[in-house]
Amino acid sequence: MKQVKKQSVVDIASEQIIEYLKSDEINLGDKLPVEYEMCNLLNISRATLREVYRKLQSQGYLEIKNGKGAFVKNKQQDILQRATNWFREHDAQLQSYLEVRLYLDPLAGKLAAQNRNEKDIAHLKTIQQEFEKSIAERDNIKMASLDAELHKAIVQISKNDLLIALVQIVNYYFEQLRQTSFMVESHAMHAIQPHRNIIDAIETGDFVLAERESINHMEIALRDLCGVENP
């Protein structure tokens, strides 16, 4: 069973305001009621309301104008801001995950280059084509699924059962990472050429290059997600 999470007054008030923003009662650009009215409606203090506003501003819902009040910026959470917040909250986990992949992925690429056949290469290229198509369609859920499928296929080609099991365990705990990462368009774009390079190296059987391109791919991901340079 999952533990029941206690909600703070700020969280509860934030959820109520979000429901209000999503309703037909208010439109984009509209000003929210003045502070004392909002405090009375929500039964909270001004200090709490201001904390709520700061939270909703960071999530992209509100724009706070000094001396004028709070205005509706988005009726849905800004997708880029949502991704940024998620990365900030999970920074330590992200870096640990990518550092582990920095060692697993190059080994998978190296072994795949040694064990691949024509059918394997055709399969990788098909997945990559669909991945690039999903980027053009800006479907981050599909991008995440296809990215996972591509890397899983490379590991499968390695024919190393222990490596396959290790990668499966690591990916299980970080499925959300892929979906959140691809909310940021540049992250998805940065994966295109590394994927192509890895597939090309595997196709030619150049296991040294496949290993090197896999390392390059993970180093780019570390820079994008964690700001880490050459770990």
Foldseek 3Di string as FASTA:
>chain_A
DDDDDDDDLLRVLLVVVLVVLLDPPDDAFDFDPDQVVSCVVSVHDSVSVVVSLVVCVLQQQWDQDPPPHIGGRDSDGDLLSVLVVVLVVCVVVVVVLLVVLLPLQLLLLLLLLQQPDPVLLVVLVVLLVVLVVCLVVLPQLSNLVSVVVNSLSSNVSSVDVVSNVVVVVSCVVCSVVSSSQSSDSVSSVLQNVLSVQSSVCSVVSVSVSNSVSSSVNSQVVCCSRNVDHPD
